[in-house]
Amino acid sequence: MASILDAVGALSLYTAAETGQMTGCGLRRICSQIMRGEAGEERHPFYGQAKSYIDAHPLPYREYYTKLDIYYLALCEDFQAEAMRSFFHDQHWMLRQIDMPHIEEIYRQMEELLGGGEQLERLGSLLRQRFLGVTVMAAYLQGLTEDMLSCLIRRDIESSRQVFQLWLDRVE
């Protein structure tokens, strides 16, 4: 049972959500460095796309954070798609590190103890309900979404409007 719980523990929902938020911060950092003309993130796979977009789309706002948030929103869909693929790949790699033959042996032993199918399925269902209320990918996506939400609700000092209002008014 400890091995099964270790396997579930390898997929921490808290860590996934936190990683999602930090990933969003990575896009913000890329945009910020491009806007300031600073070096630092040039090696990031998304840097070129972000730089091209920012260079091609000057914004009329004076408030630095308003511009940062607008660029973040403009780029986040493509950035998040790539980030989710990368996160999925990382999670898949972590799962491959789990001693599956050992877990399969434990499963066979539990099957013998419980008398087979229905009881074991019930136990598995209870474990999933208790320890995996949502998928790890859903937790990661929620972290990304929370980071994006912080951009949407920030208020532009100059216009006293929230960024989502400015985003909806933009013309491209």
Protein backbone atom coordinates (compact mmCIF):
# COMPACT_ATOMS: atom_id res chain seq x y z
CA MET A 1 0.00 0.00 0.00
CA ALA A 2 2.89 2.38 0.79
CA SER A 3 4.19 2.02 -2.77
CA ILE A 4 0.81 2.86 -4.21
CA LEU A 5 0.54 5.94 -2.01
CA ASP A 6 4.10 6.91 -2.98
CA ALA A 7 3.03 6.74 -6.62
CA VAL A 8 0.02 8.96 -5.93
CA GLY A 9 2.22 11.32 -3.89
CA ALA A 10 4.55 11.76 -6.86
CA LEU A 11 1.67 13.59 -8.53
CA SER A 12 1.21 16.40 -6.00
CA LEU A 13 -1.70 18.62 -6.95
CA TYR A 14 -0.33 21.48 -4.88
CA THR A 15 2.99 21.28 -6.68
CA ALA A 16 1.23 21.11 -10.04
CA ALA A 17 -0.84 24.22 -9.31
CA GLU A 18 2.20 26.08 -7.99
CA THR A 19 4.20 25.05 -11.06
CA GLY A 20 1.39 26.39 -13.25
CA GLN A 21 1.53 29.75 -11.50
CA MET A 22 5.32 29.89 -11.75
CA THR A 23 5.12 29.01 -15.44
CA GLY A 24 2.86 32.01 -15.96
CA CYS A 25 5.38 34.15 -14.11
CA GLY A 26 7.95 32.92 -16.64
CA LEU A 27 5.96 34.48 -19.49
CA ARG A 28 5.67 37.69 -17.51
CA ARG A 29 9.44 37.68 -16.98
CA ILE A 30 10.08 37.18 -20.71
CA CYS A 31 7.74 40.05 -21.62
CA SER A 32 9.23 42.31 -18.98
CA GLN A 33 12.80 41.74 -20.15
CA ILE A 34 11.85 42.37 -23.76
CA MET A 35 9.99 45.57 -22.83
CA ARG A 36 12.97 46.83 -20.83
CA GLY A 37 15.51 45.75 -23.43
CA GLU A 38 17.24 43.52 -20.88
CA ALA A 39 19.01 40.25 -21.54
CA GLY A 40 18.22 37.07 -19.71
CA GLU A 41 15.59 34.88 -21.31
CA GLU A 42 16.86 34.75 -24.90
CA ARG A 43 17.37 30.99 -24.70
CA HIS A 44 13.78 30.32 -23.71
CA PRO A 45 11.97 28.56 -26.61
CA PHE A 46 9.18 31.16 -26.53
CA TYR A 47 11.43 34.24 -26.45
CA GLY A 48 11.54 34.76 -30.23
CA GLN A 49 7.77 34.64 -30.62
CA ALA A 50 7.28 37.01 -27.68
CA LYS A 51 9.89 39.45 -28.96
CA SER A 52 8.41 39.48 -32.46
CA TYR A 53 4.93 40.14 -31.11
CA ILE A 54 6.00 42.89 -28.68
CA ASP A 55 8.16 44.61 -31.31
CA ALA A 56 5.29 44.51 -33.83
CA HIS A 57 2.58 45.70 -31.42
CA PRO A 58 3.48 48.87 -29.56
CA LEU A 59 0.85 49.80 -26.98
CA PRO A 60 -0.52 53.28 -26.24
CA TYR A 61 -0.57 52.89 -22.46
CA ARG A 62 1.89 54.71 -20.23
CA GLU A 63 1.53 52.36 -17.26
CA TYR A 64 4.25 49.70 -17.44
CA TYR A 65 2.21 46.96 -15.74
CA THR A 66 -0.76 47.59 -18.00
CA LYS A 67 1.42 47.02 -21.05
CA LEU A 68 3.00 43.96 -19.43
CA ASP A 69 -0.41 42.47 -18.69
CA ILE A 70 -1.73 43.16 -22.21
CA TYR A 71 1.32 41.49 -23.77
CA TYR A 72 0.93 38.58 -21.36
CA LEU A 73 -2.71 38.13 -22.40
CA ALA A 74 -1.86 38.37 -26.08
CA LEU A 75 0.81 35.68 -25.80
CA CYS A 76 -0.56 33.41 -23.09
CA GLU A 77 -2.59 31.03 -25.27
CA ASP A 78 0.41 29.96 -27.37
CA PHE A 79 2.70 30.01 -24.35
CA GLN A 80 0.32 27.92 -22.25
CA ALA A 81 -0.14 25.33 -24.99
CA GLU A 82 3.60 24.75 -25.14
CA ALA A 83 3.95 24.88 -21.35
CA MET A 84 1.24 22.24 -20.94
CA ARG A 85 2.98 19.92 -23.42
CA SER A 86 6.22 20.37 -21.51
CA PHE A 87 4.52 19.77 -18.15
CA PHE A 88 2.83 16.63 -19.48
CA HIS A 89 6.19 15.35 -20.74
CA ASP A 90 7.79 16.03 -17.33
CA GLN A 91 4.97 14.24 -15.50
CA HIS A 92 5.21 11.27 -17.86
CA TRP A 93 8.95 11.04 -17.17
CA MET A 94 8.33 11.15 -13.40
CA LEU A 95 5.78 8.36 -13.64
CA ARG A 96 8.26 6.20 -15.52
CA GLN A 97 10.58 6.48 -12.51
CA ILE A 98 8.07 4.67 -10.29
CA ASP A 99 8.81 1.00 -9.66
CA MET A 100 5.85 -0.35 -11.64
CA PRO A 101 6.76 -4.05 -11.36
CA HIS A 102 6.71 -3.66 -7.58
CA ILE A 103 3.33 -1.92 -7.67
CA GLU A 104 1.96 -4.59 -10.01
CA GLU A 105 3.13 -7.27 -7.56
CA ILE A 106 1.38 -5.47 -4.71
CA TYR A 107 -1.74 -5.24 -6.86
CA ARG A 108 -1.66 -9.01 -7.46
CA GLN A 109 -1.24 -9.64 -3.72
CA MET A 110 -4.14 -7.34 -2.91
CA GLU A 111 -6.23 -9.09 -5.53
CA GLU A 112 -5.57 -12.40 -3.80
CA LEU A 113 -6.39 -10.98 -0.36
CA LEU A 114 -9.58 -9.25 -1.45
CA GLY A 115 -10.78 -12.07 -3.65
CA GLY A 116 -10.53 -10.27 -6.93
CA GLY A 117 -12.21 -7.73 -9.09
CA GLU A 118 -15.09 -5.91 -7.46
CA GLN A 119 -13.53 -5.35 -4.02
CA LEU A 120 -10.23 -4.25 -5.54
CA GLU A 121 -12.00 -1.90 -7.94
CA ARG A 122 -13.88 -0.40 -5.00
CA LEU A 123 -10.62 0.15 -3.10
CA GLY A 124 -9.05 1.74 -6.18
CA SER A 125 -12.05 4.00 -6.60
CA LEU A 126 -11.90 5.08 -2.96
CA LEU A 127 -8.18 5.84 -3.23
CA ARG A 128 -8.71 7.90 -6.39
CA GLN A 129 -11.59 9.83 -4.82
CA ARG A 130 -9.61 10.57 -1.68
CA PHE A 131 -6.18 11.35 -3.12
CA LEU A 132 -6.81 12.44 -6.71
CA GLY A 133 -9.88 14.68 -6.62
CA VAL A 134 -8.72 16.37 -9.81
CA THR A 135 -6.09 15.44 -12.34
CA VAL A 136 -2.57 16.78 -12.05
CA MET A 137 -2.97 18.48 -15.43
CA ALA A 138 -6.16 20.20 -14.23
CA ALA A 139 -4.28 21.50 -11.16
CA TYR A 140 -1.44 22.76 -13.38
CA LEU A 141 -3.91 24.47 -15.71
CA GLN A 142 -5.65 26.04 -12.70
CA GLY A 143 -2.32 27.52 -11.60
CA LEU A 144 -1.80 28.96 -15.09
CA THR A 145 -5.35 30.31 -15.06
CA GLU A 146 -4.92 31.98 -11.67
CA ASP A 147 -1.83 33.74 -12.95
CA MET A 148 -3.73 34.94 -16.01
CA LEU A 149 -6.62 36.08 -13.80
CA SER A 150 -4.27 38.33 -11.84
CA CYS A 151 -3.49 40.13 -15.12
CA LEU A 152 -7.12 40.48 -16.07
CA ILE A 153 -8.23 42.08 -12.80
CA ARG A 154 -5.33 44.51 -12.33
CA ARG A 155 -6.42 48.11 -12.65
CA ASP A 156 -4.68 50.56 -14.98
CA ILE A 157 -3.80 53.63 -12.92
CA GLU A 158 -4.16 56.09 -15.77
CA SER A 159 -7.61 55.04 -17.01
CA SER A 160 -8.89 53.45 -13.78
CA ARG A 161 -10.11 50.53 -15.88
CA GLN A 162 -9.26 46.91 -15.33
CA VAL A 163 -6.97 45.24 -17.83
CA PHE A 164 -9.71 42.91 -19.04
CA GLN A 165 -11.70 46.00 -20.10
CA LEU A 166 -8.71 47.38 -21.99
CA TRP A 167 -8.14 43.94 -23.51
CA LEU A 168 -11.72 43.79 -24.78
CA ASP A 169 -11.43 47.30 -26.28
CA ARG A 170 -8.21 46.62 -28.17
CA VAL A 171 -8.11 46.69 -31.96
CA GLU A 172 -5.70 44.44 -33.84
